[in-house]
Amino acid sequence: MAKFYFCLFCLMFIAAGCGKTADEKAVEKKIEAATGGDAEVDLSKKGMKVTGETAQGKYSLSTGESVQIPKDFPDDVFIYRPSKAIAAMKMAQGYSISLTTGKEVEELIETYREEMEGKGWSEQTAMNMGAQMVLVYTKESRIANIAIAATGDATRITLTVTTN
């Protein structure tokens, strides 16, 4: 299942610059072949939106200038502000969103630790991988992975929340 979502996310970024109907159909076929389910792809100059369904349930993802964080994203998972959403994915098992901000990695790590613990999450793991830091939290039957990495002139935050 993780391979499916990884492939889907990669296809999303590969196709982000496309916008022709033939391109949309080609991406749809690749996603459908990888997932065994249906997919609907909408490419534009502003980004990409993919919706579909597999045996595991419905999913949607978007990338580009007009990405919106899903309205039902868990409100007990801290989202750093100010930040800009650059990708969002909703699936039956949870959510994954990517944000960018101008803040430093160390400041974001400290803020996430305070905010997540304040919202009742328990830190399970902290991995320092040089330019990237990953925090893993649990709460009830959920897991939240927070990856924070410097990417040139911005810092990227990727939040993934899944149910066990």
N, C-alpha and C. Protein backbone atom coordinates (compact mmCIF):
# COMPACT_ATOMS: atom_id res chain seq x y z
N MET A 1 0.82 -1.19 0.00
CA MET A 1 0.00 0.00 0.00
C MET A 1 0.87 1.26 0.00
N ALA A 2 1.95 1.23 0.79
CA ALA A 2 2.84 2.39 0.82
C ALA A 2 3.44 2.63 -0.56
N LYS A 3 3.73 1.55 -1.28
CA LYS A 3 4.29 1.68 -2.63
C LYS A 3 3.30 2.41 -3.55
N PHE A 4 2.01 2.09 -3.42
CA PHE A 4 0.97 2.74 -4.21
C PHE A 4 0.98 4.24 -3.98
N TYR A 5 0.97 4.67 -2.73
CA TYR A 5 0.92 6.10 -2.44
C TYR A 5 2.20 6.80 -2.84
N PHE A 6 3.33 6.11 -2.71
CA PHE A 6 4.59 6.70 -3.16
C PHE A 6 4.55 6.91 -4.68
N CYS A 7 4.11 5.90 -5.43
CA CYS A 7 4.01 6.02 -6.89
C CYS A 7 3.03 7.12 -7.28
N LEU A 8 1.90 7.17 -6.59
CA LEU A 8 0.89 8.19 -6.88
C LEU A 8 1.45 9.58 -6.65
N PHE A 9 2.17 9.77 -5.54
CA PHE A 9 2.74 11.07 -5.22
C PHE A 9 3.81 11.45 -6.26
N CYS A 10 4.63 10.48 -6.70
CA CYS A 10 5.65 10.74 -7.72
C CYS A 10 5.00 11.13 -9.04
N LEU A 11 3.97 10.40 -9.44
CA LEU A 11 3.27 10.74 -10.67
C LEU A 11 2.69 12.14 -10.60
N MET A 12 2.22 12.53 -9.43
CA MET A 12 1.65 13.85 -9.25
C MET A 12 2.69 14.92 -9.57
N PHE A 13 3.91 14.76 -9.08
CA PHE A 13 4.94 15.77 -9.32
C PHE A 13 5.46 15.71 -10.75
N ILE A 14 5.52 14.53 -11.35
CA ILE A 14 5.97 14.42 -12.73
C ILE A 14 5.02 15.14 -13.66
N ALA A 15 3.73 14.99 -13.41
CA ALA A 15 2.73 15.55 -14.31
C ALA A 15 2.36 16.99 -13.99
N ALA A 16 2.90 17.56 -12.94
CA ALA A 16 2.47 18.90 -12.51
C ALA A 16 2.65 19.96 -13.58
N GLY A 17 3.61 19.81 -14.47
CA GLY A 17 3.82 20.81 -15.50
C GLY A 17 3.02 20.56 -16.77
N CYS A 18 2.30 19.48 -16.83
CA CYS A 18 1.54 19.14 -18.02
C CYS A 18 0.19 19.83 -18.01
N GLY A 19 -0.58 19.68 -19.08
CA GLY A 19 -1.88 20.30 -19.09
C GLY A 19 -2.73 19.91 -20.27
N LYS A 20 -2.29 19.00 -21.11
CA LYS A 20 -3.05 18.58 -22.28
C LYS A 20 -3.93 17.39 -21.92
N THR A 21 -5.04 17.28 -22.62
CA THR A 21 -5.96 16.17 -22.39
C THR A 21 -5.27 14.83 -22.57
N ALA A 22 -4.40 14.71 -23.55
CA ALA A 22 -3.67 13.46 -23.76
C ALA A 22 -2.78 13.16 -22.56
N ASP A 23 -2.19 14.18 -21.98
CA ASP A 23 -1.37 13.99 -20.79
C ASP A 23 -2.22 13.50 -19.62
N GLU A 24 -3.39 14.10 -19.46
CA GLU A 24 -4.29 13.69 -18.38
C GLU A 24 -4.66 12.22 -18.53
N LYS A 25 -4.99 11.82 -19.74
CA LYS A 25 -5.37 10.42 -19.99
C LYS A 25 -4.20 9.48 -19.73
N ALA A 26 -3.00 9.89 -20.12
CA ALA A 26 -1.82 9.06 -19.90
C ALA A 26 -1.55 8.88 -18.41
N VAL A 27 -1.66 9.97 -17.65
CA VAL A 27 -1.45 9.89 -16.20
C VAL A 27 -2.53 9.03 -15.57
N GLU A 28 -3.77 9.20 -15.98
CA GLU A 28 -4.87 8.39 -15.46
C GLU A 28 -4.59 6.90 -15.67
N LYS A 29 -4.17 6.53 -16.88
CA LYS A 29 -3.89 5.13 -17.17
C LYS A 29 -2.76 4.58 -16.30
N LYS A 30 -1.72 5.38 -16.08
CA LYS A 30 -0.61 4.93 -15.23
C LYS A 30 -1.07 4.74 -13.79
N ILE A 31 -1.86 5.66 -13.29
CA ILE A 31 -2.37 5.55 -11.92
C ILE A 31 -3.29 4.35 -11.80
N GLU A 32 -4.18 4.18 -12.76
CA GLU A 32 -5.11 3.05 -12.74
C GLU A 32 -4.37 1.72 -12.81
N ALA A 33 -3.31 1.65 -13.61
CA ALA A 33 -2.51 0.43 -13.70
C ALA A 33 -1.80 0.15 -12.38
N ALA A 34 -1.31 1.19 -11.72
CA ALA A 34 -0.59 1.02 -10.46
C ALA A 34 -1.53 0.68 -9.30
N THR A 35 -2.76 1.19 -9.34
CA THR A 35 -3.67 1.02 -8.20
C THR A 35 -4.72 -0.05 -8.40
N GLY A 36 -5.01 -0.38 -9.65
CA GLY A 36 -6.09 -1.31 -9.92
C GLY A 36 -7.45 -0.67 -9.71
N GLY A 37 -7.49 0.65 -9.59
CA GLY A 37 -8.75 1.37 -9.37
C GLY A 37 -8.94 2.46 -10.39
N ASP A 38 -9.98 3.24 -10.20
CA ASP A 38 -10.29 4.35 -11.10
C ASP A 38 -9.52 5.60 -10.69
N ALA A 39 -9.25 6.47 -11.70
CA ALA A 39 -8.59 7.74 -11.43
C ALA A 39 -9.12 8.80 -12.39
N GLU A 40 -9.24 10.00 -11.89
CA GLU A 40 -9.63 11.16 -12.68
C GLU A 40 -8.55 12.21 -12.46
N VAL A 41 -7.93 12.67 -13.54
CA VAL A 41 -6.82 13.63 -13.45
C VAL A 41 -7.23 14.93 -14.13
N ASP A 42 -6.96 16.03 -13.44
CA ASP A 42 -7.22 17.36 -13.98
C ASP A 42 -5.92 18.15 -13.88
N LEU A 43 -5.31 18.43 -15.03
CA LEU A 43 -4.05 19.18 -15.08
C LEU A 43 -4.32 20.59 -15.59
N SER A 44 -3.68 21.55 -14.98
CA SER A 44 -3.78 22.92 -15.45
C SER A 44 -2.44 23.60 -15.20
N LYS A 45 -2.31 24.84 -15.65
CA LYS A 45 -1.08 25.58 -15.41
C LYS A 45 -0.89 25.86 -13.93
N LYS A 46 -1.97 25.85 -13.17
CA LYS A 46 -1.89 26.14 -11.74
C LYS A 46 -1.61 24.91 -10.89
N GLY A 47 -1.68 23.71 -11.49
CA GLY A 47 -1.41 22.52 -10.72
C GLY A 47 -2.13 21.31 -11.23
N MET A 48 -2.27 20.31 -10.36
CA MET A 48 -2.89 19.06 -10.72
C MET A 48 -3.79 18.58 -9.59
N LYS A 49 -4.89 17.97 -9.97
CA LYS A 49 -5.78 17.35 -9.00
C LYS A 49 -6.10 15.95 -9.50
N VAL A 50 -5.98 14.98 -8.60
CA VAL A 50 -6.27 13.59 -8.92
C VAL A 50 -7.28 13.08 -7.90
N THR A 51 -8.33 12.43 -8.39
CA THR A 51 -9.28 11.77 -7.51
C THR A 51 -9.47 10.35 -8.02
N GLY A 52 -9.80 9.46 -7.12
CA GLY A 52 -10.01 8.09 -7.55
C GLY A 52 -10.46 7.20 -6.42
N GLU A 53 -10.54 5.92 -6.75
CA GLU A 53 -10.96 4.94 -5.76
C GLU A 53 -10.25 3.63 -6.02
N THR A 54 -9.80 3.01 -4.94
CA THR A 54 -9.18 1.69 -4.99
C THR A 54 -9.96 0.77 -4.05
N ALA A 55 -9.52 -0.44 -3.92
CA ALA A 55 -10.16 -1.37 -2.98
C ALA A 55 -10.07 -0.86 -1.55
N GLN A 56 -9.08 -0.02 -1.25
CA GLN A 56 -8.91 0.53 0.10
C GLN A 56 -9.81 1.74 0.35
N GLY A 57 -10.38 2.32 -0.69
CA GLY A 57 -11.26 3.47 -0.52
C GLY A 57 -10.92 4.60 -1.47
N LYS A 58 -11.60 5.72 -1.28
CA LYS A 58 -11.42 6.89 -2.13
C LYS A 58 -10.16 7.65 -1.73
N TYR A 59 -9.59 8.37 -2.71
CA TYR A 59 -8.43 9.21 -2.45
C TYR A 59 -8.51 10.45 -3.32
N SER A 60 -7.80 11.48 -2.89
CA SER A 60 -7.66 12.69 -3.70
C SER A 60 -6.32 13.31 -3.37
N LEU A 61 -5.73 13.96 -4.36
CA LEU A 61 -4.49 14.68 -4.12
C LEU A 61 -4.43 15.86 -5.06
N SER A 62 -3.73 16.89 -4.61
CA SER A 62 -3.58 18.08 -5.43
C SER A 62 -2.21 18.68 -5.17
N THR A 63 -1.73 19.41 -6.18
CA THR A 63 -0.47 20.10 -6.08
C THR A 63 -0.55 21.35 -6.94
N GLY A 64 0.25 22.33 -6.61
CA GLY A 64 0.27 23.54 -7.41
C GLY A 64 -0.07 24.78 -6.61
N GLU A 65 -0.48 25.82 -7.32
CA GLU A 65 -0.72 27.13 -6.72
C GLU A 65 -1.97 27.21 -5.85
N SER A 66 -2.97 26.39 -6.13
CA SER A 66 -4.24 26.53 -5.42
C SER A 66 -4.56 25.35 -4.51
N VAL A 67 -3.54 24.76 -3.91
CA VAL A 67 -3.74 23.61 -3.03
C VAL A 67 -4.47 24.05 -1.76
N GLN A 68 -5.46 23.29 -1.39
CA GLN A 68 -6.21 23.53 -0.15
C GLN A 68 -5.99 22.35 0.78
N ILE A 69 -5.77 22.63 2.05
CA ILE A 69 -5.70 21.58 3.05
C ILE A 69 -7.11 21.02 3.20
N PRO A 70 -7.28 19.69 3.20
CA PRO A 70 -8.62 19.12 3.32
C PRO A 70 -9.36 19.70 4.53
N LYS A 71 -10.62 20.03 4.34
CA LYS A 71 -11.43 20.64 5.40
C LYS A 71 -11.54 19.75 6.63
N ASP A 72 -11.48 18.43 6.43
CA ASP A 72 -11.59 17.52 7.56
C ASP A 72 -10.24 17.01 8.07
N PHE A 73 -9.15 17.73 7.70
CA PHE A 73 -7.84 17.39 8.25
C PHE A 73 -7.95 17.49 9.77
N PRO A 74 -7.40 16.52 10.51
CA PRO A 74 -7.57 16.51 11.97
C PRO A 74 -7.14 17.82 12.63
N ASP A 75 -8.04 18.39 13.42
CA ASP A 75 -7.73 19.68 14.05
C ASP A 75 -6.78 19.55 15.24
N ASP A 76 -6.47 18.32 15.65
CA ASP A 76 -5.50 18.16 16.73
C ASP A 76 -4.08 17.91 16.21
N VAL A 77 -3.89 18.07 14.90
CA VAL A 77 -2.55 18.01 14.31
C VAL A 77 -2.16 19.44 13.96
N PHE A 78 -1.07 19.89 14.53
CA PHE A 78 -0.62 21.26 14.36
C PHE A 78 -0.18 21.53 12.93
N ILE A 79 -0.66 22.63 12.36
CA ILE A 79 -0.24 23.12 11.04
C ILE A 79 0.43 24.46 11.26
N TYR A 80 1.72 24.54 10.95
CA TYR A 80 2.47 25.77 11.17
C TYR A 80 1.94 26.90 10.28
N ARG A 81 1.78 28.07 10.86
CA ARG A 81 1.38 29.28 10.14
C ARG A 81 2.37 30.38 10.47
N PRO A 82 2.80 31.20 9.58
CA PRO A 82 2.40 31.22 8.18
C PRO A 82 3.14 30.16 7.38
N SER A 83 2.41 29.54 6.48
CA SER A 83 2.97 28.55 5.56
C SER A 83 2.10 28.51 4.33
N LYS A 84 2.63 27.90 3.28
CA LYS A 84 1.88 27.76 2.03
C LYS A 84 1.75 26.27 1.72
N ALA A 85 0.53 25.82 1.49
CA ALA A 85 0.30 24.41 1.10
C ALA A 85 0.73 24.24 -0.35
N ILE A 86 1.57 23.23 -0.60
CA ILE A 86 2.02 22.96 -1.96
C ILE A 86 1.54 21.60 -2.47
N ALA A 87 1.09 20.73 -1.55
CA ALA A 87 0.54 19.44 -1.94
C ALA A 87 -0.35 18.94 -0.81
N ALA A 88 -1.42 18.26 -1.18
CA ALA A 88 -2.33 17.69 -0.18
C ALA A 88 -2.89 16.38 -0.72
N MET A 89 -2.94 15.38 0.14
CA MET A 89 -3.47 14.08 -0.23
C MET A 89 -4.38 13.58 0.87
N LYS A 90 -5.54 13.10 0.46
CA LYS A 90 -6.49 12.50 1.40
C LYS A 90 -6.76 11.08 0.90
N MET A 91 -6.64 10.11 1.81
CA MET A 91 -6.87 8.72 1.46
C MET A 91 -7.67 8.07 2.58
N ALA A 92 -8.11 6.87 2.37
CA ALA A 92 -8.93 6.19 3.37
C ALA A 92 -8.19 6.06 4.71
N GLN A 93 -6.87 5.87 4.67
CA GLN A 93 -6.09 5.67 5.88
C GLN A 93 -5.66 6.96 6.56
N GLY A 94 -5.80 8.11 5.88
CA GLY A 94 -5.38 9.35 6.51
C GLY A 94 -5.10 10.45 5.51
N TYR A 95 -4.11 11.28 5.86
CA TYR A 95 -3.81 12.50 5.11
C TYR A 95 -2.31 12.69 5.00
N SER A 96 -1.90 13.43 3.97
CA SER A 96 -0.53 13.89 3.86
C SER A 96 -0.57 15.28 3.22
N ILE A 97 0.06 16.24 3.86
CA ILE A 97 0.13 17.59 3.30
C ILE A 97 1.57 18.07 3.34
N SER A 98 1.94 18.85 2.34
CA SER A 98 3.27 19.47 2.29
C SER A 98 3.10 20.97 2.30
N LEU A 99 3.90 21.62 3.12
CA LEU A 99 3.85 23.06 3.30
C LEU A 99 5.25 23.63 3.11
N THR A 100 5.33 24.92 2.80
CA THR A 100 6.62 25.61 2.81
C THR A 100 6.49 26.86 3.67
N THR A 101 7.61 27.22 4.28
CA THR A 101 7.68 28.41 5.12
C THR A 101 9.11 28.93 5.08
N GLY A 102 9.31 30.12 5.56
CA GLY A 102 10.64 30.72 5.61
C GLY A 102 11.36 30.49 6.94
N LYS A 103 10.72 29.81 7.88
CA LYS A 103 11.32 29.57 9.20
C LYS A 103 12.42 28.51 9.14
N GLU A 104 13.32 28.55 10.09
CA GLU A 104 14.42 27.60 10.18
C GLU A 104 13.95 26.26 10.74
N VAL A 105 14.64 25.18 10.35
CA VAL A 105 14.28 23.82 10.78
C VAL A 105 14.24 23.73 12.30
N GLU A 106 15.27 24.23 12.98
CA GLU A 106 15.34 24.10 14.44
C GLU A 106 14.16 24.77 15.14
N GLU A 107 13.77 25.95 14.67
CA GLU A 107 12.63 26.66 15.25
C GLU A 107 11.34 25.87 15.03
N LEU A 108 11.19 25.29 13.85
CA LEU A 108 9.99 24.51 13.55
C LEU A 108 9.92 23.24 14.39
N ILE A 109 11.05 22.60 14.59
CA ILE A 109 11.08 21.38 15.42
C ILE A 109 10.60 21.70 16.82
N GLU A 110 11.14 22.74 17.40
CA GLU A 110 10.76 23.14 18.76
C GLU A 110 9.26 23.47 18.82
N THR A 111 8.78 24.22 17.84
CA THR A 111 7.36 24.59 17.80
C THR A 111 6.49 23.34 17.68
N TYR A 112 6.84 22.42 16.78
CA TYR A 112 6.04 21.20 16.62
C TYR A 112 6.04 20.36 17.88
N ARG A 113 7.17 20.25 18.54
CA ARG A 113 7.21 19.47 19.79
C ARG A 113 6.24 20.05 20.82
N GLU A 114 6.29 21.35 21.00
CA GLU A 114 5.39 22.00 21.98
C GLU A 114 3.93 21.84 21.59
N GLU A 115 3.62 22.13 20.33
CA GLU A 115 2.23 22.11 19.88
C GLU A 115 1.63 20.70 19.87
N MET A 116 2.37 19.73 19.37
CA MET A 116 1.84 18.36 19.30
C MET A 116 1.62 17.79 20.70
N GLU A 117 2.57 17.99 21.58
CA GLU A 117 2.39 17.52 22.95
C GLU A 117 1.24 18.25 23.63
N GLY A 118 1.09 19.54 23.34
CA GLY A 118 -0.02 20.32 23.89
C GLY A 118 -1.38 19.84 23.39
N LYS A 119 -1.40 19.17 22.25
CA LYS A 119 -2.64 18.65 21.69
C LYS A 119 -2.84 17.17 22.04
N GLY A 120 -2.03 16.66 22.97
CA GLY A 120 -2.22 15.30 23.46
C GLY A 120 -1.46 14.21 22.73
N TRP A 121 -0.55 14.55 21.84
CA TRP A 121 0.24 13.57 21.11
C TRP A 121 1.48 13.21 21.92
N SER A 122 1.96 11.97 21.78
CA SER A 122 3.17 11.50 22.46
C SER A 122 4.27 11.27 21.44
N GLU A 123 5.41 11.91 21.66
CA GLU A 123 6.54 11.71 20.74
C GLU A 123 7.10 10.31 20.91
N GLN A 124 7.24 9.59 19.81
CA GLN A 124 7.78 8.24 19.83
C GLN A 124 9.22 8.18 19.32
N THR A 125 9.50 9.00 18.32
CA THR A 125 10.82 8.98 17.69
C THR A 125 11.16 10.37 17.17
N ALA A 126 12.45 10.68 17.24
CA ALA A 126 12.98 11.89 16.60
C ALA A 126 14.25 11.47 15.87
N MET A 127 14.26 11.70 14.56
CA MET A 127 15.42 11.30 13.75
C MET A 127 16.03 12.53 13.10
N ASN A 128 17.29 12.78 13.41
CA ASN A 128 18.02 13.88 12.78
C ASN A 128 18.83 13.30 11.63
N MET A 129 18.46 13.68 10.40
CA MET A 129 19.14 13.14 9.22
C MET A 129 19.88 14.25 8.48
N GLY A 130 20.55 15.10 9.26
CA GLY A 130 21.29 16.19 8.64
C GLY A 130 20.38 17.35 8.28
N ALA A 131 20.10 17.50 7.00
CA ALA A 131 19.26 18.61 6.54
C ALA A 131 17.77 18.37 6.80
N GLN A 132 17.42 17.17 7.25
CA GLN A 132 16.01 16.86 7.52
C GLN A 132 15.86 16.27 8.92
N MET A 133 14.76 16.63 9.54
CA MET A 133 14.41 16.10 10.86
C MET A 133 13.04 15.46 10.75
N VAL A 134 12.87 14.29 11.36
CA VAL A 134 11.58 13.60 11.35
C VAL A 134 11.15 13.34 12.77
N LEU A 135 9.92 13.73 13.07
CA LEU A 135 9.30 13.47 14.36
C LEU A 135 8.14 12.51 14.15
N VAL A 136 7.99 11.53 15.04
CA VAL A 136 6.87 10.58 14.95
C VAL A 136 6.11 10.64 16.26
N TYR A 137 4.80 10.87 16.14
CA TYR A 137 3.91 10.98 17.30
C TYR A 137 2.80 9.96 17.21
N THR A 138 2.27 9.54 18.37
CA THR A 138 1.09 8.68 18.41
C THR A 138 0.05 9.30 19.32
N LYS A 139 -1.20 9.02 18.99
CA LYS A 139 -2.33 9.43 19.81
C LYS A 139 -3.47 8.47 19.49
N GLU A 140 -3.94 7.79 20.52
CA GLU A 140 -4.99 6.78 20.35
C GLU A 140 -4.55 5.81 19.25
N SER A 141 -5.32 5.66 18.19
CA SER A 141 -4.95 4.70 17.14
C SER A 141 -4.34 5.39 15.92
N ARG A 142 -3.79 6.59 16.10
CA ARG A 142 -3.23 7.33 14.99
C ARG A 142 -1.72 7.56 15.15
N ILE A 143 -1.08 7.74 14.00
CA ILE A 143 0.35 8.06 13.94
C ILE A 143 0.50 9.32 13.11
N ALA A 144 1.30 10.26 13.60
CA ALA A 144 1.60 11.49 12.86
C ALA A 144 3.11 11.53 12.62
N ASN A 145 3.48 11.62 11.35
CA ASN A 145 4.88 11.77 10.96
C ASN A 145 5.07 13.20 10.49
N ILE A 146 6.08 13.86 11.02
CA ILE A 146 6.36 15.25 10.65
C ILE A 146 7.80 15.30 10.15
N ALA A 147 7.96 15.58 8.87
CA ALA A 147 9.30 15.70 8.28
C ALA A 147 9.53 17.17 7.95
N ILE A 148 10.63 17.70 8.44
CA ILE A 148 10.96 19.11 8.23
C ILE A 148 12.36 19.17 7.62
N ALA A 149 12.45 19.83 6.45
CA ALA A 149 13.73 19.85 5.74
C ALA A 149 13.98 21.21 5.10
N ALA A 150 15.22 21.65 5.18
CA ALA A 150 15.63 22.87 4.49
C ALA A 150 15.73 22.56 3.00
N THR A 151 15.16 23.45 2.16
CA THR A 151 15.18 23.23 0.71
C THR A 151 15.58 24.51 0.00
N GLY A 152 16.78 24.95 0.22
CA GLY A 152 17.24 26.19 -0.41
C GLY A 152 16.75 27.40 0.35
N ASP A 153 15.90 28.19 -0.26
CA ASP A 153 15.43 29.42 0.38
C ASP A 153 14.17 29.23 1.22
N ALA A 154 13.68 28.01 1.34
CA ALA A 154 12.47 27.74 2.13
C ALA A 154 12.68 26.47 2.95
N THR A 155 11.75 26.21 3.81
CA THR A 155 11.76 24.97 4.59
C THR A 155 10.46 24.25 4.28
N ARG A 156 10.56 22.96 4.00
CA ARG A 156 9.39 22.14 3.68
C ARG A 156 8.98 21.33 4.91
N ILE A 157 7.68 21.34 5.16
CA ILE A 157 7.09 20.55 6.24
C ILE A 157 6.14 19.55 5.59
N THR A 158 6.32 18.28 5.87
CA THR A 158 5.39 17.26 5.37
C THR A 158 4.76 16.59 6.57
N LEU A 159 3.44 16.69 6.65
CA LEU A 159 2.66 16.09 7.73
C LEU A 159 1.89 14.91 7.17
N THR A 160 2.07 13.74 7.77
CA THR A 160 1.32 12.56 7.36
C THR A 160 0.65 11.99 8.60
N VAL A 161 -0.65 11.83 8.53
CA VAL A 161 -1.43 11.31 9.66
C VAL A 161 -2.19 10.09 9.18
N THR A 162 -1.98 8.96 9.83
CA THR A 162 -2.65 7.72 9.44
C THR A 162 -3.26 7.05 10.66
N THR A 163 -4.20 6.17 10.39
CA THR A 163 -4.84 5.38 11.43
C THR A 163 -4.24 3.99 11.39
N ASN A 164 -3.93 3.45 12.57
CA ASN A 164 -3.38 2.08 12.65
C ASN A 164 -4.40 1.07 12.22
